[in-house]
Amino acid sequence: MGPAAAANRLGHRLQLNENPYGPPPSVRAALARALASANRYPEFLPQRLPRLIAERLGLAPERVVVGAGATGVIMHIVLEFGSGGAHVVMATPTFDGYPILTAMAGGHPVAVPLTGDGRQDLAAMARAVDERTRLVVLCSPHNPTGTLVAPAELEAFLRRVPASVPVVLDEAYVDFVLGAERADVAALLDRFPNLIVLRTFSKAYGLAALRVGYALGDPELIARIARWQLPFGMNALAEVAVRASYEAEPEIAARVATIGGHRQRLTGGLRALGLSVPESHANFSYLTLPAPDIDRVGTALAGADIHVKHYPTGIRITVGDRAATETVLDAIRSTVQ
């Protein structure tokens, strides 16, 4: 069975925000060569990979910690700062990992509803921080709406949070944000020692299966997070893939641009049908719907073998290739005609 046939058999997997194109050929070739050493264990605790990332970002290695995807790093952060009944302030809805892992660690998620236009309510989140709060989570771009926290808003928010409370800035989708709209995290890390910036190679780089995520922060916070790392816990292919991906960044940038074009087509097509879609800065679009319509639209998408993510306020649709976008629009068009 060829790739096209396999894709048709699986339908359109648009629920996990995966990159539809995978890693570039040069990265796949590097991984294939590395398989010859699959009989060898990775480093006991990762050192080369944090140094590689730190060098790329112009940071000291002790300001970088890696984990098994962003989710693995989140688990370590929550275990260190959000366990034992600690309150963790976050938006709702948000990336499922935050409430799930907080609860697993014995913490208490403090969920603050989004604004009507799909943005994190920074003022309400700041008010939710009290003496029981041990961690705050922001996502920019936000998951699931794709909305962005403007740099000035972010800095103002950080000034309102006590310096003793760590703030996670989840930038899993930052590679899809135009450079002029990105926060200067290096400067923010210098000014706010309680800031932890979270990133991943799963999305723009197409390495979701290899589970490569990392966090940036003050060396003291990074050391506290790193103490939860599992010995031999990082895939040995991670370093190979990251190094090859850095060398293939022009190809990856081109794919990001292609995905951005499909996102505009998807968002524009949904809006042309009279539907409400926030401006997304990620590799997905969020179809905001009243509760009765979520099941109706979801049923139409499922009937077309399109897999999406449902939330109480709408449906998140990953940007796929051109065929996926057209199939989504055709399926939803049938529900509004």
Protein backbone atom coordinates (compact mmCIF):
# COMPACT_ATOMS: atom_id res chain seq x y z
CA MET A 1 0.00 0.00 0.00
CA GLY A 2 1.42 3.38 -1.03
CA PRO A 3 1.46 6.52 1.14
CA ALA A 4 -1.61 8.02 -0.56
CA ALA A 5 -3.64 4.85 -0.09
CA ALA A 6 -2.55 4.59 3.52
CA ALA A 7 -3.56 8.20 4.14
CA ASN A 8 -7.01 7.57 2.64
CA ARG A 9 -7.47 4.47 4.77
CA LEU A 10 -6.63 6.43 7.91
CA GLY A 11 -8.79 9.39 6.99
CA HIS A 12 -7.63 12.87 7.95
CA ARG A 13 -5.97 12.92 11.38
CA LEU A 14 -6.56 16.53 12.36
CA GLN A 15 -6.92 16.16 16.13
CA LEU A 16 -3.32 16.23 17.42
CA ASN A 17 -1.81 19.22 15.60
CA GLU A 18 0.71 17.02 13.84
CA ASN A 19 2.82 18.32 10.97
CA PRO A 20 1.36 16.67 7.86
CA TYR A 21 4.69 16.66 6.04
CA GLY A 22 7.01 15.05 8.56
CA PRO A 23 10.74 15.84 8.80
CA PRO A 24 12.69 16.85 5.68
CA PRO A 25 14.52 14.15 3.71
CA SER A 26 17.92 15.15 5.14
CA VAL A 27 16.62 14.64 8.67
CA ARG A 28 15.13 11.27 7.78
CA ALA A 29 18.47 10.25 6.25
CA ALA A 30 20.34 11.25 9.41
CA LEU A 31 17.92 9.21 11.51
CA ALA A 32 18.31 6.20 9.23
CA ARG A 33 22.08 6.32 9.62
CA ALA A 34 21.75 6.62 13.39
CA LEU A 35 19.71 3.42 13.60
CA ALA A 36 22.95 1.46 13.23
CA SER A 37 23.66 2.43 16.85
CA ALA A 38 20.22 1.48 18.17
CA ASN A 39 21.85 -1.18 20.36
CA ARG A 40 23.53 1.53 22.46
CA TYR A 41 21.94 3.35 25.36
CA PRO A 42 21.53 7.12 25.25
CA GLU A 43 23.28 9.35 27.78
CA PHE A 44 22.49 8.50 31.41
CA LEU A 45 21.18 12.06 31.78
CA PRO A 46 21.05 14.31 28.71
CA GLN A 47 23.90 16.78 28.39
CA ARG A 48 24.77 17.03 24.69
CA LEU A 49 21.22 17.89 23.59
CA PRO A 50 20.77 20.78 26.06
CA ARG A 51 24.16 22.14 24.98
CA LEU A 52 23.15 21.91 21.33
CA ILE A 53 19.90 23.79 21.93
CA ALA A 54 21.57 26.35 24.17
CA GLU A 55 24.23 27.06 21.57
CA ARG A 56 21.58 27.55 18.91
CA LEU A 57 19.66 29.99 21.09
CA GLY A 58 22.69 31.82 22.47
CA LEU A 59 22.04 30.75 26.05
CA ALA A 60 24.14 29.07 28.71
CA PRO A 61 23.57 25.28 28.81
CA GLU A 62 22.46 25.42 32.43
CA ARG A 63 19.43 27.43 31.27
CA VAL A 64 18.09 24.51 29.18
CA VAL A 65 16.42 21.29 30.27
CA VAL A 66 15.06 18.65 27.89
CA GLY A 67 12.39 16.02 28.20
CA ALA A 68 10.25 13.49 26.36
CA GLY A 69 8.32 16.05 24.36
CA ALA A 70 6.83 19.17 25.86
CA THR A 71 4.53 16.90 27.86
CA GLY A 72 7.50 15.22 29.52
CA VAL A 73 8.93 18.58 30.54
CA ILE A 74 5.51 19.71 31.79
CA MET A 75 5.30 16.62 33.97
CA HIS A 76 8.65 17.46 35.55
CA ILE A 77 7.63 21.08 36.08
CA VAL A 78 4.35 20.09 37.70
CA LEU A 79 6.03 17.51 39.93
CA GLU A 80 8.45 20.16 41.17
CA PHE A 81 6.10 23.12 41.55
CA GLY A 82 2.50 21.92 41.35
CA SER A 83 2.25 18.83 43.55
CA GLY A 84 0.98 18.30 47.08
CA GLY A 85 -2.23 20.28 46.74
CA ALA A 86 -0.56 23.32 45.17
CA HIS A 87 -2.76 25.58 43.07
CA VAL A 88 -1.85 25.89 39.40
CA VAL A 89 -3.52 28.77 37.55
CA MET A 90 -4.33 28.13 33.89
CA ALA A 91 -6.88 29.04 31.25
CA THR A 92 -9.79 26.81 30.29
CA PRO A 93 -9.87 25.33 27.80
CA THR A 94 -6.14 24.84 27.43
CA PHE A 95 -3.72 22.09 26.42
CA ASP A 96 -5.13 19.00 28.12
CA GLY A 97 -1.75 18.10 29.57
CA TYR A 98 -1.86 20.88 32.13
CA PRO A 99 -5.01 19.91 34.07
CA ILE A 100 -4.35 16.20 33.61
CA LEU A 101 -0.73 16.24 34.78
CA THR A 102 -1.47 18.69 37.59
CA ALA A 103 -4.11 16.32 38.92
CA MET A 104 -1.76 13.35 38.51
CA ALA A 105 0.85 15.18 40.60
CA GLY A 106 -1.67 15.92 43.35
CA GLY A 107 -2.05 19.58 42.47
CA HIS A 108 -5.21 21.63 42.04
CA PRO A 109 -5.91 23.22 38.63
CA VAL A 110 -7.39 26.71 38.97
CA ALA A 111 -9.16 27.18 35.63
CA VAL A 112 -9.89 30.68 34.33
CA PRO A 113 -12.30 30.89 31.37
CA LEU A 114 -11.16 32.43 28.11
CA THR A 115 -12.58 35.71 26.91
CA GLY A 116 -15.36 35.67 24.36
CA ASP A 117 -12.89 36.09 21.50
CA GLY A 118 -10.82 33.06 22.51
CA ARG A 119 -8.04 34.83 24.40
CA GLN A 120 -6.58 34.07 27.78
CA ASP A 121 -8.05 36.49 30.32
CA LEU A 122 -4.78 37.79 31.73
CA ALA A 123 -6.43 40.14 34.20
CA ALA A 124 -8.59 37.35 35.64
CA MET A 125 -5.62 34.97 35.72
CA ALA A 126 -3.55 37.52 37.64
CA ARG A 127 -6.42 37.94 40.13
CA ALA A 128 -6.59 34.15 40.56
CA VAL A 129 -3.01 34.08 41.90
CA ASP A 130 -3.05 33.91 45.69
CA GLU A 131 -1.00 32.54 48.57
CA ARG A 132 -1.83 28.96 47.53
CA THR A 133 -0.60 29.41 43.95
CA ARG A 134 2.65 27.65 43.13
CA LEU A 135 2.58 27.78 39.33
CA VAL A 136 0.93 29.77 36.52
CA VAL A 137 0.58 28.61 32.90
CA LEU A 138 0.21 30.76 29.78
CA CYS A 139 0.16 29.44 26.21
CA SER A 140 1.17 31.69 23.32
CA PRO A 141 -0.03 30.81 20.75
CA HIS A 142 -2.87 29.47 22.84
CA ASN A 143 -4.01 25.90 22.48
CA PRO A 144 -6.80 25.38 21.35
CA THR A 145 -7.72 28.82 19.95
CA GLY A 146 -4.40 29.84 18.35
CA THR A 147 -4.60 33.36 19.77
CA LEU A 148 -1.43 35.21 20.70
CA VAL A 149 -0.41 37.06 23.87
CA ALA A 150 1.12 40.32 22.68
CA PRO A 151 4.64 40.97 24.04
CA ALA A 152 3.52 44.09 25.94
CA GLU A 153 0.61 42.19 27.51
CA LEU A 154 2.92 39.36 28.48
CA GLU A 155 5.40 41.64 30.20
CA ALA A 156 2.63 43.47 32.06
CA PHE A 157 1.25 40.12 33.24
CA LEU A 158 4.66 38.94 34.45
CA ARG A 159 4.99 42.11 36.48
CA ARG A 160 1.74 41.32 38.26
CA VAL A 161 2.71 37.78 39.28
CA PRO A 162 4.79 37.50 42.48
CA ALA A 163 8.44 36.72 41.76
CA SER A 164 8.14 33.63 43.98
CA VAL A 165 5.61 32.00 41.63
CA PRO A 166 7.02 30.35 38.47
CA VAL A 167 5.22 31.20 35.23
CA VAL A 168 5.30 28.76 32.33
CA LEU A 169 5.10 30.37 28.89
CA ASP A 170 4.19 27.49 26.59
CA GLU A 171 5.51 28.31 23.10
CA ALA A 172 4.87 24.94 21.49
CA TYR A 173 3.64 26.70 18.33
CA VAL A 174 5.99 29.68 18.29
CA ASP A 175 7.59 28.60 15.00
CA PHE A 176 4.32 29.45 13.25
CA VAL A 177 4.36 33.03 14.61
CA LEU A 178 5.78 35.82 12.48
CA GLY A 179 9.08 37.10 13.88
CA ALA A 180 7.80 40.61 14.55
CA GLU A 181 4.97 39.22 16.72
CA ARG A 182 7.15 37.01 18.91
CA ALA A 183 8.13 37.91 22.44
CA ASP A 184 11.83 38.48 23.12
CA VAL A 185 12.11 35.58 25.52
CA ALA A 186 15.86 36.01 26.07
CA ALA A 187 15.24 39.51 27.41
CA LEU A 188 12.25 38.35 29.45
CA LEU A 189 14.24 35.51 30.99
CA ASP A 190 16.83 38.04 32.14
CA ARG A 191 14.21 40.34 33.67
CA PHE A 192 11.94 37.68 35.18
CA PRO A 193 13.83 34.83 36.90
CA ASN A 194 10.50 33.10 37.61
CA LEU A 195 9.76 32.65 33.88
CA ILE A 196 10.00 29.20 32.28
CA VAL A 197 9.67 29.05 28.48
CA LEU A 198 8.51 25.74 27.05
CA ARG A 199 9.08 24.58 23.46
CA THR A 200 8.93 21.42 21.37
CA PHE A 201 10.23 19.85 18.18
CA SER A 202 6.92 17.99 17.66
CA LYS A 203 5.09 20.63 15.65
CA ALA A 204 6.98 22.74 13.10
CA TYR A 205 9.91 20.30 12.98
CA GLY A 206 7.69 17.25 12.53
CA LEU A 207 9.42 15.12 15.19
CA ALA A 208 6.40 14.23 17.34
CA ALA A 209 7.23 10.51 17.39
CA LEU A 210 10.71 11.15 18.83
CA ARG A 211 9.39 13.13 21.84
CA VAL A 212 11.78 16.08 22.04
CA GLY A 213 10.81 19.05 24.18
CA TYR A 214 12.71 21.57 26.24
CA ALA A 215 12.37 24.42 28.71
CA LEU A 216 14.40 27.60 29.16
CA GLY A 217 14.78 29.42 32.42
CA ASP A 218 16.87 30.57 35.34
CA PRO A 219 19.57 27.99 36.18
CA GLU A 220 18.10 27.44 39.65
CA LEU A 221 14.64 26.63 38.28
CA ILE A 222 16.10 24.51 35.48
CA ALA A 223 18.12 22.47 38.00
CA ARG A 224 14.98 21.85 40.05
CA ILE A 225 13.13 20.63 36.96
CA ALA A 226 16.05 18.48 35.77
CA ARG A 227 16.16 16.51 39.00
CA TRP A 228 13.00 14.69 37.87
CA GLN A 229 14.60 13.39 34.68
CA LEU A 230 14.51 9.63 34.22
CA PRO A 231 17.96 8.05 33.68
CA PHE A 232 18.33 6.96 30.04
CA GLY A 233 14.95 8.67 29.52
CA MET A 234 15.73 10.63 26.35
CA ASN A 235 15.65 8.88 22.98
CA ALA A 236 19.17 8.66 21.55
CA LEU A 237 17.79 9.72 18.16
CA ALA A 238 16.64 13.05 19.61
CA GLU A 239 20.07 14.67 19.41
CA VAL A 240 20.59 13.37 15.87
CA ALA A 241 17.21 14.68 14.75
CA VAL A 242 17.61 18.10 16.38
CA ARG A 243 21.08 18.63 14.91
CA ALA A 244 19.89 17.61 11.43
CA SER A 245 16.77 19.78 11.79
CA TYR A 246 18.84 22.83 12.62
CA GLU A 247 20.83 22.21 9.45
CA ALA A 248 17.59 21.86 7.47
CA GLU A 249 15.90 24.99 8.77
CA PRO A 250 15.35 26.54 5.30
CA GLU A 251 13.33 23.47 4.32
CA ILE A 252 11.43 23.54 7.59
CA ALA A 253 10.70 27.25 7.20
CA ALA A 254 9.29 26.56 3.75
CA ARG A 255 6.98 23.90 5.18
CA VAL A 256 5.87 26.26 7.95
CA ALA A 257 5.02 28.82 5.28
CA THR A 258 3.02 26.21 3.37
CA ILE A 259 1.11 25.28 6.51
CA GLY A 260 0.46 28.96 7.12
CA GLY A 261 -1.06 29.24 3.68
CA HIS A 262 -3.34 26.26 4.29
CA ARG A 263 -4.33 27.76 7.66
CA GLN A 264 -5.39 30.97 5.95
CA ARG A 265 -7.38 28.94 3.42
CA LEU A 266 -9.06 26.96 6.21
CA THR A 267 -9.80 29.99 8.38
CA GLY A 268 -10.99 32.08 5.45
CA GLY A 269 -13.17 29.26 4.16
CA LEU A 270 -14.83 28.77 7.54
CA ARG A 271 -15.45 32.49 7.93
CA ALA A 272 -16.93 32.63 4.45
CA LEU A 273 -19.54 30.17 5.70
CA GLY A 274 -20.49 32.69 8.40
CA LEU A 275 -18.66 30.86 11.19
CA SER A 276 -16.62 32.37 14.01
CA VAL A 277 -12.90 31.56 13.95
CA PRO A 278 -10.29 33.47 16.03
CA GLU A 279 -7.14 34.62 14.26
CA SER A 280 -4.77 31.68 14.70
CA HIS A 281 -0.98 31.92 14.94
CA ALA A 282 -0.48 28.15 15.10
CA ASN A 283 -0.98 25.11 12.85
CA PHE A 284 -4.69 24.79 13.61
CA SER A 285 -7.92 26.75 13.46
CA TYR A 286 -10.56 26.91 16.19
CA LEU A 287 -14.17 26.81 15.11
CA THR A 288 -16.12 28.57 17.86
CA LEU A 289 -19.60 27.13 18.14
CA PRO A 290 -22.56 27.09 20.53
CA ALA A 291 -22.88 23.80 22.36
CA PRO A 292 -25.82 22.43 20.29
CA ASP A 293 -23.86 22.91 17.05
CA ILE A 294 -20.65 21.19 18.20
CA ASP A 295 -22.17 17.71 17.96
CA ARG A 296 -23.84 18.48 14.62
CA VAL A 297 -20.67 19.74 12.98
CA GLY A 298 -18.60 17.06 14.67
CA THR A 299 -20.90 14.38 13.28
CA ALA A 300 -20.49 15.77 9.75
CA LEU A 301 -16.71 15.77 10.11
CA ALA A 302 -16.68 12.23 11.49
CA GLY A 303 -18.87 11.13 8.59
CA ALA A 304 -16.16 12.36 6.24
CA ASP A 305 -13.55 10.43 8.25
CA ILE A 306 -12.06 13.64 9.63
CA HIS A 307 -10.71 13.38 13.17
CA VAL A 308 -10.78 16.64 15.18
CA LYS A 309 -10.61 17.75 18.81
CA HIS A 310 -13.83 18.78 20.58
CA TYR A 311 -14.07 21.35 23.38
CA PRO A 312 -17.05 22.78 25.27
CA THR A 313 -16.80 25.99 23.23
CA GLY A 314 -15.88 24.65 19.81
CA ILE A 315 -13.80 22.37 17.62
CA ARG A 316 -10.04 22.56 16.99
CA ILE A 317 -9.01 21.53 13.49
CA THR A 318 -5.36 20.83 12.69
CA VAL A 319 -4.12 22.30 9.43
CA GLY A 320 -3.38 19.40 7.10
CA ASP A 321 -2.46 19.35 3.45
CA ARG A 322 -4.58 20.90 0.68
CA ALA A 323 -6.77 17.80 0.34
CA ALA A 324 -7.51 17.77 4.06
CA THR A 325 -8.45 21.45 4.03
CA GLU A 326 -10.86 21.03 1.13
CA THR A 327 -12.42 17.94 2.72
CA VAL A 328 -12.99 19.83 5.97
CA LEU A 329 -14.60 22.78 4.23
CA ASP A 330 -16.84 20.51 2.13
CA ALA A 331 -18.00 18.61 5.22
CA ILE A 332 -18.77 21.75 7.23
CA ARG A 333 -20.40 23.45 4.26
CA SER A 334 -22.95 20.65 4.25
CA THR A 335 -24.00 21.61 7.79
CA VAL A 336 -24.72 25.27 7.03
CA GLN A 337 -26.52 24.98 3.67
